[in-house]
Amino acid sequence: MRRAFPRLGWCLLPLLPLSCHAGEPHPQARPWTPAAIASDQYESSPTFTPDGRELYFMRSDRAFGRYRLLMSRCEPGGWSAPLPPPFAGPPDAQEADPFVSHDGQRLYYVSSRQGANADDLDIWMVRRDASGAWSAPQRLPAPVNSPESELLPRETASGRLYFGSSRPGGPGLTDIYEGRLRNDGGWDVSLVGPPISTAEQEYEVEVSRDEDQLILVGQRGDGRSHLYRFARTGKGWVARGRVPAREDVFQVGPLFSPKGDRVLFGQVANERDSGELFLVDLQPTLDTNWPPRCGG
């Protein structure tokens, strides 16, 4: 039996006390969602083309279900009203977690379009041709995809593909995996072990362009998914605390700035449970041109 990711209800479990930023500054996450994109539903998992002219993201209902992909273009007056991208699947398909590769030539996302089970998400990819058009979607083969669900594919600058999966064989119900494309076109996939994948639930990772920082989306102790920071050292990944964000709601879909000094992510914005994009600074010296500006 295929298992769906237990994303629905992350924010419904009781809050337990958690201390996560002792001795560290507390920068405030602030709303970023452009007016044309904001809605009474839940926006998350943003990704930009390298020129900053296109924004892809996912929208779900307030219960964080019924995922669908949307895109917006930067026009003279600002970001355009979002529409489904040309490669979007049929209306009954669940589609989420877009990611544009750093060179702008590929876009990954997850979709249930391959089967009758709307909760079984697999990784798909489209390629951009010389005219700027996206190709027909291609489902990545096994062992990247499995009979279980996959989530939040992220291609690194070195060509690795990180993603979450509920497949068996890891220490938790959901874990993080790394895929490497071989010269013959096949894939080698391995579990990313502790401290990234543990007996807790880990769903997603976002890796900085220099591959020295990682943000993990995981449920570790309080019944909600939060954003956990890691730094690469000679001994592997080392925990660096939490990304500053609310403790009483879940966070999801992080995106590093190109310099790794800022993060966009999805979070509940108000008492009506409308989810919006939030921006938080990770370093004192910032690239203030990111997220890309549009319309002055």
Protein backbone atom coordinates (compact mmCIF):
# COMPACT_ATOMS: atom_id res chain seq x y z
CA MET A 1 0.00 0.00 0.00
CA ARG A 2 1.38 3.40 -0.91
CA ARG A 3 1.73 5.88 1.89
CA ALA A 4 1.14 9.60 1.46
CA PHE A 5 3.30 12.14 3.21
CA PRO A 6 1.69 13.14 6.50
CA ARG A 7 1.74 16.85 5.67
CA LEU A 8 -1.88 17.46 6.52
CA GLY A 9 -2.25 18.18 10.21
CA TRP A 10 1.34 19.11 11.05
CA CYS A 11 -0.05 22.25 12.65
CA LEU A 12 -2.86 20.50 14.50
CA LEU A 13 -0.88 18.76 17.22
CA PRO A 14 -0.37 20.37 20.66
CA LEU A 15 2.63 22.60 21.15
CA LEU A 16 5.39 21.46 23.48
CA PRO A 17 7.99 23.85 24.93
CA LEU A 18 11.08 24.13 22.75
CA SER A 19 14.20 26.21 23.17
CA CYS A 20 16.08 26.64 19.93
CA HIS A 21 18.01 29.94 19.74
CA ALA A 22 19.79 30.28 23.05
CA GLY A 23 22.65 32.74 22.80
CA GLU A 24 21.84 33.62 19.16
CA PRO A 25 20.29 36.75 17.65
CA HIS A 26 16.57 36.62 16.86
CA PRO A 27 15.98 38.25 13.46
CA GLN A 28 12.32 38.55 12.64
CA ALA A 29 10.76 36.69 9.74
CA ARG A 30 8.60 39.14 7.82
CA PRO A 31 5.89 38.67 5.19
CA TRP A 32 7.12 38.85 1.62
CA THR A 33 4.28 37.54 -0.60
CA PRO A 34 3.57 40.00 -3.45
CA ALA A 35 0.00 41.34 -3.48
CA ALA A 36 -0.81 39.69 -6.81
CA ILE A 37 0.14 36.29 -5.41
CA ALA A 38 -1.27 36.46 -1.88
CA SER A 39 -4.58 34.70 -1.31
CA ASP A 40 -6.75 33.31 1.47
CA GLN A 41 -5.13 29.93 0.82
CA TYR A 42 -1.55 28.68 1.43
CA GLU A 43 1.43 29.71 -0.73
CA SER A 44 4.80 27.99 -0.24
CA SER A 45 7.84 26.44 -1.98
CA PRO A 46 8.88 29.47 -4.08
CA THR A 47 11.55 29.26 -6.77
CA PHE A 48 12.83 31.86 -9.26
CA THR A 49 14.41 31.64 -12.69
CA PRO A 50 18.02 32.93 -12.69
CA ASP A 51 17.00 36.24 -14.28
CA GLY A 52 14.43 36.82 -11.53
CA ARG A 53 11.63 37.29 -14.06
CA GLU A 54 9.58 34.18 -13.27
CA LEU A 55 8.34 32.91 -9.92
CA TYR A 56 7.00 29.39 -9.51
CA PHE A 57 5.32 28.23 -6.30
CA MET A 58 2.68 25.90 -4.94
CA ARG A 59 -0.71 26.79 -3.53
CA SER A 60 -2.80 24.54 -1.31
CA ASP A 61 -6.00 24.92 0.65
CA ARG A 62 -5.96 26.06 4.27
CA ALA A 63 -5.76 22.47 5.48
CA PHE A 64 -2.57 22.14 3.37
CA GLY A 65 -4.17 19.79 0.88
CA ARG A 66 -5.07 19.96 -2.83
CA TYR A 67 -1.62 21.02 -4.01
CA ARG A 68 -1.22 22.80 -7.35
CA LEU A 69 1.55 24.59 -9.21
CA LEU A 70 1.34 28.24 -10.20
CA MET A 71 3.65 30.72 -11.88
CA SER A 72 3.88 34.51 -12.05
CA ARG A 73 5.91 36.75 -14.38
CA CYS A 74 7.56 40.04 -13.54
CA GLU A 75 5.83 42.71 -15.62
CA PRO A 76 6.24 46.51 -15.65
CA GLY A 77 3.53 46.90 -13.02
CA GLY A 78 4.75 44.09 -10.77
CA TRP A 79 4.18 40.35 -10.49
CA SER A 80 1.38 39.07 -12.70
CA ALA A 81 -1.67 37.21 -11.46
CA PRO A 82 -0.57 33.57 -11.05
CA LEU A 83 -1.61 30.93 -13.56
CA PRO A 84 -0.84 27.21 -13.94
CA PRO A 85 2.43 26.68 -15.86
CA PRO A 86 2.14 25.10 -19.32
CA PHE A 87 3.35 21.73 -18.04
CA ALA A 88 0.80 21.51 -15.21
CA GLY A 89 -1.09 18.24 -14.93
CA PRO A 90 -4.83 17.58 -15.02
CA PRO A 91 -7.05 19.29 -12.42
CA ASP A 92 -7.36 16.14 -10.32
CA ALA A 93 -3.56 15.74 -9.97
CA GLN A 94 -1.73 16.91 -6.87
CA GLU A 95 1.35 18.94 -7.88
CA ALA A 96 3.78 20.73 -5.59
CA ASP A 97 7.32 21.77 -4.67
CA PRO A 98 8.74 23.33 -7.87
CA PHE A 99 12.48 24.02 -8.11
CA VAL A 100 14.33 25.73 -10.95
CA SER A 101 17.93 24.52 -11.36
CA HIS A 102 20.63 27.14 -10.83
CA ASP A 103 21.35 27.31 -14.57
CA GLY A 104 17.64 27.72 -15.34
CA GLN A 105 17.57 24.73 -17.69
CA ARG A 106 15.49 22.31 -15.60
CA LEU A 107 12.49 22.55 -13.32
CA TYR A 108 11.69 19.74 -10.90
CA TYR A 109 8.42 19.21 -9.06
CA VAL A 110 6.30 16.44 -7.57
CA SER A 111 3.05 15.20 -9.03
CA SER A 112 0.48 12.45 -8.65
CA ARG A 113 -0.39 12.58 -12.38
CA GLN A 114 1.16 9.14 -12.98
CA GLY A 115 -1.59 7.13 -11.28
CA ALA A 116 -4.99 6.92 -9.69
CA ASN A 117 -3.69 7.56 -6.17
CA ALA A 118 -3.76 11.33 -5.68
CA ASP A 119 -1.62 11.00 -2.55
CA ASP A 120 1.31 9.23 -4.25
CA LEU A 121 3.72 11.99 -5.30
CA ASP A 122 6.62 11.30 -7.67
CA ILE A 123 9.39 13.57 -8.97
CA TRP A 124 8.96 14.99 -12.47
CA MET A 125 11.18 17.28 -14.52
CA VAL A 126 10.83 19.63 -17.49
CA ARG A 127 13.65 21.10 -19.60
CA ARG A 128 13.85 24.58 -21.09
CA ASP A 129 14.70 24.76 -24.79
CA ALA A 130 16.48 27.50 -26.74
CA SER A 131 13.20 29.34 -27.31
CA GLY A 132 12.47 29.48 -23.59
CA ALA A 133 9.63 26.95 -23.72
CA TRP A 134 9.37 24.08 -21.25
CA SER A 135 9.38 20.50 -22.55
CA ALA A 136 6.76 17.87 -21.87
CA PRO A 137 7.12 16.56 -18.29
CA GLN A 138 9.27 13.49 -17.70
CA ARG A 139 8.90 11.28 -14.64
CA LEU A 140 12.27 10.44 -13.12
CA PRO A 141 12.96 6.69 -13.05
CA ALA A 142 13.57 4.37 -10.13
CA PRO A 143 15.37 4.39 -7.78
CA VAL A 144 14.69 8.15 -7.52
CA ASN A 145 10.96 7.48 -7.54
CA SER A 146 9.54 4.59 -5.55
CA PRO A 147 6.14 3.04 -4.79
CA GLU A 148 5.99 5.52 -1.89
CA SER A 149 5.84 9.33 -2.03
CA GLU A 150 8.70 11.70 -2.84
CA LEU A 151 8.87 15.38 -1.93
CA LEU A 152 10.74 18.66 -2.54
CA PRO A 153 13.40 17.73 -5.14
CA ARG A 154 16.45 19.99 -5.00
CA GLU A 155 19.29 19.89 -7.54
CA THR A 156 22.58 21.25 -6.19
CA ALA A 157 25.25 23.14 -8.11
CA SER A 158 27.31 19.92 -8.28
CA GLY A 159 24.42 17.94 -9.75
CA ARG A 160 23.22 16.03 -6.70
CA LEU A 161 19.47 15.65 -6.25
CA TYR A 162 18.15 15.80 -2.69
CA PHE A 163 14.57 14.82 -1.88
CA GLY A 164 12.37 13.44 0.86
CA SER A 165 10.74 10.02 0.66
CA SER A 166 8.49 7.79 2.73
CA ARG A 167 10.04 4.63 1.23
CA PRO A 168 11.05 1.87 3.67
CA GLY A 169 14.67 1.39 4.69
CA GLY A 170 15.34 4.65 6.52
CA PRO A 171 15.36 5.26 10.27
CA GLY A 172 12.10 7.24 10.30
CA LEU A 173 8.68 7.29 8.70
CA THR A 174 10.04 9.83 6.20
CA ASP A 175 13.71 10.51 5.46
CA ILE A 176 16.07 12.42 3.18
CA TYR A 177 17.78 10.85 0.16
CA GLU A 178 20.48 11.91 -2.28
CA GLY A 179 20.52 10.94 -5.94
CA ARG A 180 23.48 11.03 -8.34
CA LEU A 181 23.06 10.74 -12.09
CA ARG A 182 25.48 8.24 -13.67
CA ASN A 183 27.14 8.64 -17.05
CA ASP A 184 24.91 5.89 -18.44
CA GLY A 185 21.78 7.85 -17.51
CA GLY A 186 20.87 5.73 -14.49
CA TRP A 187 20.69 6.93 -10.91
CA ASP A 188 22.40 5.95 -7.68
CA VAL A 189 20.32 6.87 -4.62
CA SER A 190 21.46 6.72 -1.00
CA LEU A 191 20.05 7.67 2.38
CA VAL A 192 21.43 10.87 3.90
CA GLY A 193 22.16 9.57 7.39
CA PRO A 194 22.27 11.26 10.79
CA PRO A 195 22.06 14.02 11.79
CA ILE A 196 19.87 14.71 8.74
CA SER A 197 17.71 11.56 8.63
CA THR A 198 16.81 10.25 12.08
CA ALA A 199 14.09 8.27 13.83
CA GLU A 200 12.03 11.48 13.77
CA GLN A 201 10.28 12.68 10.60
CA GLU A 202 12.29 14.61 8.01
CA TYR A 203 10.52 15.75 4.85
CA GLU A 204 12.57 18.25 2.87
CA VAL A 205 16.02 19.82 2.56
CA GLU A 206 17.25 22.97 0.86
CA VAL A 207 21.00 23.23 0.12
CA SER A 208 22.91 26.47 -0.44
CA ARG A 209 24.66 27.01 -3.76
CA ASP A 210 28.11 26.51 -2.22
CA GLU A 211 26.70 23.33 -0.60
CA ASP A 212 28.05 24.38 2.80
CA GLN A 213 24.64 25.06 4.35
CA LEU A 214 21.50 22.97 4.56
CA ILE A 215 18.02 23.66 5.87
CA LEU A 216 16.04 20.63 6.96
CA VAL A 217 12.25 20.59 7.23
CA GLY A 218 11.47 18.13 9.98
CA GLN A 219 9.15 17.25 12.81
CA ARG A 220 11.38 16.87 15.83
CA GLY A 221 9.65 16.82 19.16
CA ASP A 222 6.73 19.25 19.09
CA GLY A 223 4.43 17.75 16.47
CA ARG A 224 5.07 20.44 13.84
CA SER A 225 7.58 20.77 11.04
CA HIS A 226 10.19 23.50 11.57
CA LEU A 227 13.30 24.65 9.72
CA TYR A 228 16.62 23.34 11.10
CA ARG A 229 19.99 24.73 10.01
CA PHE A 230 23.11 22.62 9.35
CA ALA A 231 26.64 23.52 8.28
CA ARG A 232 29.06 21.27 6.43
CA THR A 233 32.35 20.60 8.22
CA GLY A 234 35.19 18.14 7.81
CA LYS A 235 33.13 15.73 9.90
CA GLY A 236 29.94 16.12 7.87
CA TRP A 237 26.78 18.07 8.66
CA VAL A 238 26.66 19.79 12.05
CA ALA A 239 23.48 21.25 13.59
CA ARG A 240 23.35 25.05 13.89
CA GLY A 241 19.95 25.56 15.51
CA ARG A 242 16.62 26.61 14.05
CA VAL A 243 15.79 29.16 11.40
CA PRO A 244 14.03 31.94 13.35
CA ALA A 245 10.30 31.46 12.88
CA ARG A 246 7.13 30.99 14.91
CA GLU A 247 7.02 27.97 17.19
CA ASP A 248 3.22 27.68 17.28
CA VAL A 249 2.80 26.90 13.56
CA PHE A 250 4.65 24.80 11.00
CA GLN A 251 7.06 26.01 8.30
CA VAL A 252 7.62 24.41 4.90
CA GLY A 253 9.23 24.87 1.47
CA PRO A 254 12.43 26.86 2.23
CA LEU A 255 14.52 28.55 -0.48
CA PHE A 256 18.03 29.94 0.07
CA SER A 257 19.11 33.18 -1.57
CA PRO A 258 21.99 32.70 -4.06
CA LYS A 259 24.48 33.83 -1.38
CA GLY A 260 22.89 31.71 1.35
CA ASP A 261 22.24 34.75 3.55
CA ARG A 262 18.43 34.81 3.37
CA VAL A 263 15.62 32.26 3.30
CA LEU A 264 12.08 32.37 1.95
CA PHE A 265 9.59 29.85 3.34
CA GLY A 266 5.89 29.21 3.82
CA GLN A 267 4.17 29.84 7.15
CA VAL A 268 0.70 30.63 8.47
CA ALA A 269 0.23 34.39 8.38
CA ASN A 270 -2.81 35.05 10.57
CA GLU A 271 -5.60 33.61 12.65
CA ARG A 272 -7.51 32.67 9.47
CA ASP A 273 -4.76 30.16 8.67
CA SER A 274 -3.82 31.84 5.39
CA GLY A 275 -0.30 30.69 4.50
CA GLU A 276 2.10 33.22 3.00
CA LEU A 277 5.76 33.52 2.06
CA PHE A 278 8.06 34.87 4.76
CA LEU A 279 11.62 36.18 4.49
CA VAL A 280 14.26 35.89 7.21
CA ASP A 281 17.87 37.10 7.31
CA LEU A 282 20.58 34.65 8.36
CA GLN A 283 23.61 36.97 8.25
CA PRO A 284 24.28 40.64 9.10
CA THR A 285 25.56 41.42 5.57
CA LEU A 286 22.81 40.77 3.06
CA ASP A 287 22.11 40.64 -0.65
CA THR A 288 19.30 43.19 -0.62
CA ASN A 289 18.55 42.49 -4.30
CA TRP A 290 17.07 39.14 -3.35
CA PRO A 291 14.26 38.15 -3.49
CA PRO A 292 14.14 39.63 -7.00
CA ARG A 293 12.47 43.02 -7.14
CA CYS A 294 9.62 43.55 -9.55
CA GLY A 295 7.74 46.68 -10.57
CA GLY A 296 9.91 49.12 -8.66
